[in-house]
PDB file of N, CA and C in Angstrom:
ATOM      1  N   MET A   1       3.459 -16.140   1.863  1.00  0.00           N
ATOM      2  CA  MET A   1       2.506 -16.171   2.769  1.00  0.00           C
ATOM      3  C   MET A   1       1.505 -15.025   2.305  1.00  0.00           C
ATOM      4  N   SER A   2       0.226 -15.160   2.457  1.00  0.00           N
ATOM      5  CA  SER A   2      -0.778 -13.848   1.972  1.00  0.00           C
ATOM      6  C   SER A   2      -1.112 -13.467   3.282  1.00  0.00           C
ATOM      7  N   MET A   3      -1.296 -12.102   3.365  1.00  0.00           N
ATOM      8  CA  MET A   3      -1.686 -11.238   4.657  1.00  0.00           C
ATOM      9  C   MET A   3      -3.170 -11.614   4.951  1.00  0.00           C
ATOM     10  N   PRO A   4      -3.741 -11.731   5.925  1.00  0.00           N
ATOM     11  CA  PRO A   4      -5.080 -11.958   6.125  1.00  0.00           C
ATOM     12  C   PRO A   4      -6.015 -10.564   5.740  1.00  0.00           C
ATOM     13  N   LEU A   5      -7.053 -11.093   5.398  1.00  0.00           N
ATOM     14  CA  LEU A   5      -8.147 -10.235   4.684  1.00  0.00           C
ATOM     15  C   LEU A   5      -8.491  -8.951   5.977  1.00  0.00           C
ATOM     16  N   ARG A   6      -8.601  -7.902   5.703  1.00  0.00           N
ATOM     17  CA  ARG A   6      -9.151  -6.883   6.624  1.00  0.00           C
ATOM     18  C   ARG A   6      -9.909  -5.860   5.789  1.00  0.00           C
ATOM     19  N   PRO A   7     -10.554  -5.020   6.663  1.00  0.00           N
ATOM     20  CA  PRO A   7     -11.824  -4.411   5.829  1.00  0.00           C
ATOM     21  C   PRO A   7     -11.137  -3.083   5.165  1.00  0.00           C
ATOM     22  N   PRO A   8     -11.395  -2.858   4.038  1.00  0.00           N
ATOM     23  CA  PRO A   8     -10.757  -1.691   3.145  1.00  0.00           C
ATOM     24  C   PRO A   8     -10.824  -0.428   4.078  1.00  0.00           C
ATOM     25  N   VAL A   9      -9.840   0.453   3.851  1.00  0.00           N
ATOM     26  CA  VAL A   9      -9.345   1.584   4.548  1.00  0.00           C
ATOM     27  C   VAL A   9     -10.746   2.681   3.439  1.00  0.00           C
ATOM     28  N   THR A  10     -11.234   3.353   4.252  1.00  0.00           N
ATOM     29  CA  THR A  10     -12.339   4.359   3.529  1.00  0.00           C
ATOM     30  C   THR A  10     -12.361   5.588   4.145  1.00  0.00           C
ATOM     31  N   LEU A  11     -12.654   6.751   3.399  1.00  0.00           N
ATOM     32  CA  LEU A  11     -12.641   7.939   4.169  1.00  0.00           C
ATOM     33  C   LEU A  11     -13.575   8.191   5.379  1.00  0.00           C
ATOM     34  N   LYS A  12     -14.659   7.462   4.983  1.00  0.00           N
ATOM     35  CA  LYS A  12     -15.770   7.498   5.987  1.00  0.00           C
ATOM     36  C   LYS A  12     -15.497   6.728   7.130  1.00  0.00           C
ATOM     37  N   ALA A  13     -14.727   5.643   7.102  1.00  0.00           N
ATOM     38  CA  ALA A  13     -14.049   4.876   8.413  1.00  0.00           C
ATOM     39  C   ALA A  13     -13.171   5.741   9.036  1.00  0.00           C
ATOM     40  N   ALA A  14     -12.212   6.343   8.280  1.00  0.00           N
ATOM     41  CA  ALA A  14     -11.251   7.025   8.829  1.00  0.00           C
ATOM     42  C   ALA A  14     -11.859   8.370   9.783  1.00  0.00           C
ATOM     43  N   ARG A  15     -12.738   9.070   8.954  1.00  0.00           N
ATOM     44  CA  ARG A  15     -13.612   9.819   9.715  1.00  0.00           C
ATOM     45  C   ARG A  15     -14.334   9.578  10.990  1.00  0.00           C
ATOM     46  N   ALA A  16     -14.743   8.411  11.028  1.00  0.00           N
ATOM     47  CA  ALA A  16     -15.657   7.672  12.364  1.00  0.00           C
ATOM     48  C   ALA A  16     -14.406   7.667  13.194  1.00  0.00           C
ATOM     49  N   LYS A  17     -13.636   7.027  12.752  1.00  0.00           N
ATOM     50  CA  LYS A  17     -12.285   6.944  13.909  1.00  0.00           C
ATOM     51  C   LYS A  17     -11.626   7.736  14.245  1.00  0.00           C
ATOM     52  N   ALA A  18     -11.504   8.849  13.567  1.00  0.00           N
ATOM     53  CA  ALA A  18     -10.833  10.349  14.162  1.00  0.00           C
ATOM     54  C   ALA A  18     -11.861  11.148  14.803  1.00  0.00           C
ATOM     55  N   GLY A  19     -13.180  10.617  15.075  1.00  0.00           N
ATOM     56  CA  GLY A  19     -14.133  11.455  15.597  1.00  0.00           C
ATOM     57  C   GLY A  19     -14.775  12.752  14.860  1.00  0.00           C
ATOM     58  N   ILE A  20     -14.476  12.637  13.550  1.00  0.00           N
ATOM     59  CA  ILE A  20     -14.758  13.786  12.466  1.00  0.00           C
ATOM     60  C   ILE A  20     -14.240  14.926  12.948  1.00  0.00           C
ATOM     61  N   ALA A  21     -12.813  14.612  13.099  1.00  0.00           N
ATOM     62  CA  ALA A  21     -11.991  15.886  13.383  1.00  0.00           C
ATOM     63  C   ALA A  21     -12.012  16.949  12.142  1.00  0.00           C
ATOM     64  N   PRO A  22     -11.498  17.988  12.354  1.00  0.00           N
ATOM     65  CA  PRO A  22     -11.309  18.854  11.197  1.00  0.00           C
ATOM     66  C   PRO A  22     -10.319  18.340  10.396  1.00  0.00           C
ATOM     67  N   GLY A  23     -10.329  18.685   9.092  1.00  0.00           N
ATOM     68  CA  GLY A  23      -9.304  18.225   8.247  1.00  0.00           C
ATOM     69  C   GLY A  23      -9.640  16.770   7.644  1.00  0.00           C
ATOM     70  N   VAL A  24      -8.580  16.564   6.858  1.00  0.00           N
ATOM     71  CA  VAL A  24      -8.821  15.263   6.158  1.00  0.00           C
ATOM     72  C   VAL A  24      -8.007  14.259   6.958  1.00  0.00           C
ATOM     73  N   PRO A  25      -8.507  13.133   7.499  1.00  0.00           N
ATOM     74  CA  PRO A  25      -7.707  12.016   8.236  1.00  0.00           C
ATOM     75  C   PRO A  25      -6.646  11.332   7.375  1.00  0.00           C
ATOM     76  N   SER A  26      -5.657  10.854   8.034  1.00  0.00           N
ATOM     77  CA  SER A  26      -4.704   9.870   7.471  1.00  0.00           C
ATOM     78  C   SER A  26      -5.450   8.723   7.056  1.00  0.00           C
ATOM     79  N   PRO A  27      -5.079   7.952   6.015  1.00  0.00           N
ATOM     80  CA  PRO A  27      -5.514   6.481   5.907  1.00  0.00           C
ATOM     81  C   PRO A  27      -4.680   5.477   6.557  1.00  0.00           C
ATOM     82  N   CYS A  28      -3.625   5.994   6.944  1.00  0.00           N
ATOM     83  CA  CYS A  28      -2.664   5.139   7.788  1.00  0.00           C
ATOM     84  C   CYS A  28      -3.277   4.001   8.824  1.00  0.00           C
ATOM     85  N   ILE A  29      -3.123   2.790   8.603  1.00  0.00           N
ATOM     86  CA  ILE A  29      -3.781   1.860   9.435  1.00  0.00           C
ATOM     87  C   ILE A  29      -2.498   1.339  10.260  1.00  0.00           C
ATOM     88  N   SER A  30      -1.382   1.609  10.145  1.00  0.00           N
ATOM     89  CA  SER A  30      -0.097   1.227  10.858  1.00  0.00           C
ATOM     90  C   SER A  30       0.265  -0.405  10.421  1.00  0.00           C
ATOM     91  N   VAL A  31      -0.049  -0.509   9.231  1.00  0.00           N
ATOM     92  CA  VAL A  31       0.395  -1.808   8.444  1.00  0.00           C
ATOM     93  C   VAL A  31       1.017  -1.311   7.249  1.00  0.00           C
ATOM     94  N   CYS A  32       2.537  -0.988   7.610  1.00  0.00           N
ATOM     95  CA  CYS A  32       3.436  -0.177   6.971  1.00  0.00           C
ATOM     96  C   CYS A  32       4.349  -1.245   5.953  1.00  0.00           C
ATOM     97  N   GLU A  33       3.771  -1.781   4.815  1.00  0.00           N
ATOM     98  CA  GLU A  33       4.645  -2.804   4.131  1.00  0.00           C
ATOM     99  C   GLU A  33       4.307  -2.344   2.624  1.00  0.00           C
ATOM    100  N   MET A  34       5.320  -2.252   1.861  1.00  0.00           N
ATOM    101  CA  MET A  34       5.102  -1.972   0.480  1.00  0.00           C
ATOM    102  C   MET A  34       4.867  -3.196  -0.413  1.00  0.00           C
ATOM    103  N   ASP A  35       3.976  -2.886  -1.202  1.00  0.00           N
ATOM    104  CA  ASP A  35       3.895  -4.060  -2.348  1.00  0.00           C
ATOM    105  C   ASP A  35       4.472  -3.736  -3.624  1.00  0.00           C
ATOM    106  N   GLU A  36       5.690  -4.618  -3.686  1.00  0.00           N
ATOM    107  CA  GLU A  36       6.318  -4.009  -4.997  1.00  0.00           C
ATOM    108  C   GLU A  36       5.482  -4.410  -6.201  1.00  0.00           C
ATOM    109  N   ALA A  37       4.360  -5.226  -6.469  1.00  0.00           N
ATOM    110  CA  ALA A  37       3.873  -5.167  -7.690  1.00  0.00           C
ATOM    111  C   ALA A  37       3.025  -4.032  -7.990  1.00  0.00           C
ATOM    112  N   THR A  38       2.319  -3.207  -6.937  1.00  0.00           N
ATOM    113  CA  THR A  38       1.481  -2.157  -7.164  1.00  0.00           C
ATOM    114  C   THR A  38       2.371  -0.726  -6.784  1.00  0.00           C
ATOM    115  N   ALA A  39       3.533  -0.961  -6.154  1.00  0.00           N
ATOM    116  CA  ALA A  39       4.148   0.207  -5.781  1.00  0.00           C
ATOM    117  C   ALA A  39       3.339   1.059  -4.634  1.00  0.00           C
ATOM    118  N   SER A  40       2.556   0.194  -3.869  1.00  0.00           N
ATOM    119  CA  SER A  40       1.774   1.318  -2.908  1.00  0.00           C
ATOM    120  C   SER A  40       1.742   0.209  -1.443  1.00  0.00           C
ATOM    121  N   CYS A  41       1.299   1.030  -0.434  1.00  0.00           N
ATOM    122  CA  CYS A  41       1.488   0.425   1.103  1.00  0.00           C
ATOM    123  C   CYS A  41       0.233  -0.876   0.852  1.00  0.00           C
ATOM    124  N   LYS A  42       0.582  -1.948   1.542  1.00  0.00           N
ATOM    125  CA  LYS A  42      -0.525  -2.984   1.870  1.00  0.00           C
ATOM    126  C   LYS A  42      -1.480  -2.329   2.757  1.00  0.00           C
ATOM    127  N   GLY A  43      -1.191  -1.752   3.530  1.00  0.00           N
ATOM    128  CA  GLY A  43      -2.156  -1.277   4.491  1.00  0.00           C
ATOM    129  C   GLY A  43      -3.054   0.185   4.151  1.00  0.00           C
ATOM    130  N   CYS A  44      -2.183   0.848   3.643  1.00  0.00           N
ATOM    131  CA  CYS A  44      -3.140   2.319   3.276  1.00  0.00           C
ATOM    132  C   CYS A  44      -3.478   2.281   1.800  1.00  0.00           C
ATOM    133  N   PHE A  45      -2.771   1.791   1.072  1.00  0.00           N
ATOM    134  CA  PHE A  45      -2.762   2.014  -0.503  1.00  0.00           C
ATOM    135  C   PHE A  45      -2.267   3.241  -1.115  1.00  0.00           C
ATOM    136  N   ARG A  46      -1.417   3.954  -0.120  1.00  0.00           N
ATOM    137  CA  ARG A  46      -0.837   5.004  -0.859  1.00  0.00           C
ATOM    138  C   ARG A  46       0.635   4.730  -1.374  1.00  0.00           C
ATOM    139  N   THR A  47       1.078   5.581  -2.269  1.00  0.00           N
ATOM    140  CA  THR A  47       2.553   5.220  -2.743  1.00  0.00           C
ATOM    141  C   THR A  47       3.435   5.850  -1.805  1.00  0.00           C
ATOM    142  N   LEU A  48       4.705   5.692  -2.110  1.00  0.00           N
ATOM    143  CA  LEU A  48       5.516   6.269  -1.237  1.00  0.00           C
ATOM    144  C   LEU A  48       5.618   7.920  -1.231  1.00  0.00           C
ATOM    145  N   ALA A  49       5.328   8.562  -2.390  1.00  0.00           N
ATOM    146  CA  ALA A  49       5.282   9.781  -2.776  1.00  0.00           C
ATOM    147  C   ALA A  49       4.102  10.396  -2.084  1.00  0.00           C
ATOM    148  N   GLU A  50       3.042   9.479  -1.976  1.00  0.00           N
ATOM    149  CA  GLU A  50       1.776  10.180  -1.273  1.00  0.00           C
ATOM    150  C   GLU A  50       2.078  10.009   0.170  1.00  0.00           C
ATOM    151  N   ILE A  51       2.673   9.130   0.765  1.00  0.00           N
ATOM    152  CA  ILE A  51       2.956   8.823   2.214  1.00  0.00           C
ATOM    153  C   ILE A  51       3.852  10.256   2.707  1.00  0.00           C
ATOM    154  N   SER A  52       4.984  10.381   1.832  1.00  0.00           N
ATOM    155  CA  SER A  52       5.726  11.176   2.278  1.00  0.00           C
ATOM    156  C   SER A  52       5.377  12.845   2.259  1.00  0.00           C
ATOM    157  N   GLN A  53       4.373  13.054   1.145  1.00  0.00           N
ATOM    158  CA  GLN A  53       3.970  14.483   1.062  1.00  0.00           C
ATOM    159  C   GLN A  53       2.695  14.611   2.081  1.00  0.00           C
ATOM    160  N   TRP A  54       1.994  13.602   2.379  1.00  0.00           N
ATOM    161  CA  TRP A  54       0.723  13.606   3.147  1.00  0.00           C
ATOM    162  C   TRP A  54       0.613  14.854   4.068  1.00  0.00           C
ATOM    163  N   SER A  55       1.485  14.974   4.961  1.00  0.00           N
ATOM    164  CA  SER A  55       1.442  16.138   6.021  1.00  0.00           C
ATOM    165  C   SER A  55       1.494  17.520   5.288  1.00  0.00           C
ATOM    166  N   ARG A  56       1.989  17.655   4.065  1.00  0.00           N
ATOM    167  CA  ARG A  56       2.101  18.999   3.553  1.00  0.00           C
ATOM    168  C   ARG A  56       0.990  19.411   2.555  1.00  0.00           C
ATOM    169  N   LEU A  57       0.213  18.374   2.283  1.00  0.00           N
ATOM    170  CA  LEU A  57      -0.900  18.422   1.301  1.00  0.00           C
ATOM    171  C   LEU A  57      -2.035  19.407   1.691  1.00  0.00           C
ATOM    172  N   ALA A  58      -2.804  20.084   1.150  1.00  0.00           N
ATOM    173  CA  ALA A  58      -4.069  20.695   1.373  1.00  0.00           C
ATOM    174  C   ALA A  58      -5.135  19.868   1.533  1.00  0.00           C
ATOM    175  N   ASP A  59      -6.157  20.116   2.069  1.00  0.00           N
ATOM    176  CA  ASP A  59      -7.229  19.117   2.286  1.00  0.00           C
ATOM    177  C   ASP A  59      -7.870  18.664   0.870  1.00  0.00           C
ATOM    178  N   ALA A  60      -7.844  19.459   0.002  1.00  0.00           N
ATOM    179  CA  ALA A  60      -8.222  19.031  -1.303  1.00  0.00           C
ATOM    180  C   ALA A  60      -7.609  18.271  -1.998  1.00  0.00           C
ATOM    181  N   ASP A  61      -6.245  18.281  -1.797  1.00  0.00           N
ATOM    182  CA  ASP A  61      -5.361  17.177  -2.363  1.00  0.00           C
ATOM    183  C   ASP A  61      -5.296  16.022  -1.705  1.00  0.00           C
ATOM    184  N   LYS A  62      -5.667  16.017  -0.446  1.00  0.00           N
ATOM    185  CA  LYS A  62      -5.567  14.811   0.182  1.00  0.00           C
ATOM    186  C   LYS A  62      -7.040  13.847  -0.060  1.00  0.00           C
ATOM    187  N   LEU A  63      -8.005  14.751  -0.292  1.00  0.00           N
ATOM    188  CA  LEU A  63      -9.265  14.164  -0.776  1.00  0.00           C
ATOM    189  C   LEU A  63      -9.253  13.516  -2.233  1.00  0.00           C
ATOM    190  N   VAL A  64      -8.126  13.917  -2.938  1.00  0.00           N
ATOM    191  CA  VAL A  64      -7.855  13.554  -4.265  1.00  0.00           C
ATOM    192  C   VAL A  64      -7.033  12.260  -4.199  1.00  0.00           C
ATOM    193  N   VAL A  65      -5.961  11.928  -3.086  1.00  0.00           N
ATOM    194  CA  VAL A  65      -5.325  11.037  -2.668  1.00  0.00           C
ATOM    195  C   VAL A  65      -6.341   9.966  -2.124  1.00  0.00           C
ATOM    196  N   TRP A  66      -7.412  10.325  -1.462  1.00  0.00           N
ATOM    197  CA  TRP A  66      -8.210   9.278  -1.087  1.00  0.00           C
ATOM    198  C   TRP A  66      -8.964   8.544  -2.043  1.00  0.00           C
ATOM    199  N   GLN A  67      -9.433   9.382  -3.092  1.00  0.00           N
ATOM    200  CA  GLN A  67     -10.455   8.804  -4.402  1.00  0.00           C
ATOM    201  C   GLN A  67      -8.997   7.785  -4.972  1.00  0.00           C
ATOM    202  N   GLN A  68      -7.869   8.061  -4.934  1.00  0.00           N
ATOM    203  CA  GLN A  68      -6.916   7.177  -5.658  1.00  0.00           C
ATOM    204  C   GLN A  68      -6.912   5.962  -4.930  1.00  0.00           C
ATOM    205  N   ILE A  69      -6.858   6.081  -3.729  1.00  0.00           N
ATOM    206  CA  ILE A  69      -6.830   5.084  -2.590  1.00  0.00           C
ATOM    207  C   ILE A  69      -7.997   4.080  -2.805  1.00  0.00           C
ATOM    208  N   GLU A  70      -8.968   4.495  -3.009  1.00  0.00           N
ATOM    209  CA  GLU A  70     -10.364   3.679  -3.021  1.00  0.00           C
ATOM    210  C   GLU A  70     -10.619   2.999  -4.422  1.00  0.00           C
ATOM    211  N   ALA A  71      -9.870   3.723  -5.397  1.00  0.00           N
ATOM    212  CA  ALA A  71      -9.824   3.031  -6.836  1.00  0.00           C
ATOM    213  C   ALA A  71      -8.744   1.710  -6.746  1.00  0.00           C
ATOM    214  N   ARG A  72      -7.640   2.108  -6.032  1.00  0.00           N
ATOM    215  CA  ARG A  72      -6.551   0.849  -5.851  1.00  0.00           C
ATOM    216  C   ARG A  72      -7.340  -0.099  -5.246  1.00  0.00           C
ATOM    217  N   GLN A  73      -8.100   0.094  -4.033  1.00  0.00           N
ATOM    218  CA  GLN A  73      -8.519  -0.961  -3.665  1.00  0.00           C
ATOM    219  C   GLN A  73      -9.630  -1.981  -4.213  1.00  0.00           C
ATOM    220  N   GLN A  74     -10.410  -1.190  -4.941  1.00  0.00           N
ATOM    221  CA  GLN A  74     -11.264  -1.853  -5.955  1.00  0.00           C
ATOM    222  C   GLN A  74     -10.726  -2.643  -6.902  1.00  0.00           C
ATOM    223  N   ALA A  75      -9.515  -1.995  -7.726  1.00  0.00           N
ATOM    224  CA  ALA A  75      -8.543  -2.717  -8.415  1.00  0.00           C
ATOM    225  C   ALA A  75      -8.201  -4.007  -7.908  1.00  0.00           C
ATOM    226  N   ALA A  76      -7.768  -3.878  -6.440  1.00  0.00           N
ATOM    227  CA  ALA A  76      -7.108  -5.032  -6.037  1.00  0.00           C
ATOM    228  C   ALA A  76      -8.250  -5.984  -5.363  1.00  0.00           C
ATOM    229  N   GLY A  77      -9.292  -5.482  -5.378  1.00  0.00           N
ATOM    230  CA  GLY A  77     -10.339  -6.430  -5.072  1.00  0.00           C
ATOM    231  C   GLY A  77     -10.821  -6.386  -3.402  1.00  0.00           C
ATOM    232  N   ALA A  78     -10.280  -5.341  -2.847  1.00  0.00           N
ATOM    233  CA  ALA A  78     -10.225  -4.966  -1.307  1.00  0.00           C
ATOM    234  C   ALA A  78     -11.346  -4.566  -0.894  1.00  0.00           C
ATOM    235  N   THR A  79     -12.408  -4.280  -1.720  1.00  0.00           N
ATOM    236  CA  THR A  79     -13.583  -3.510  -1.281  1.00  0.00           C
ATOM    237  C   THR A  79     -14.554  -4.444  -1.501  1.00  0.00           C
TER     238      THR A  79
END
């Protein structure tokens, strides 16, 4: 069974949802299911390592993760 299409997670959308709060917002959209083929979350497109380390990352490192998320979304055709 395939999941319904949803808008891609983007840093711009996350910032808008967070009210442009200080820091880099989490890409989590509470769809926590790992895709075995890509080894990333079907909701936020992060790997388990990125998810587990998120709260300890510096903002610069979080922005790198966001770039990787957006690349994964493009590769998956989610954007």
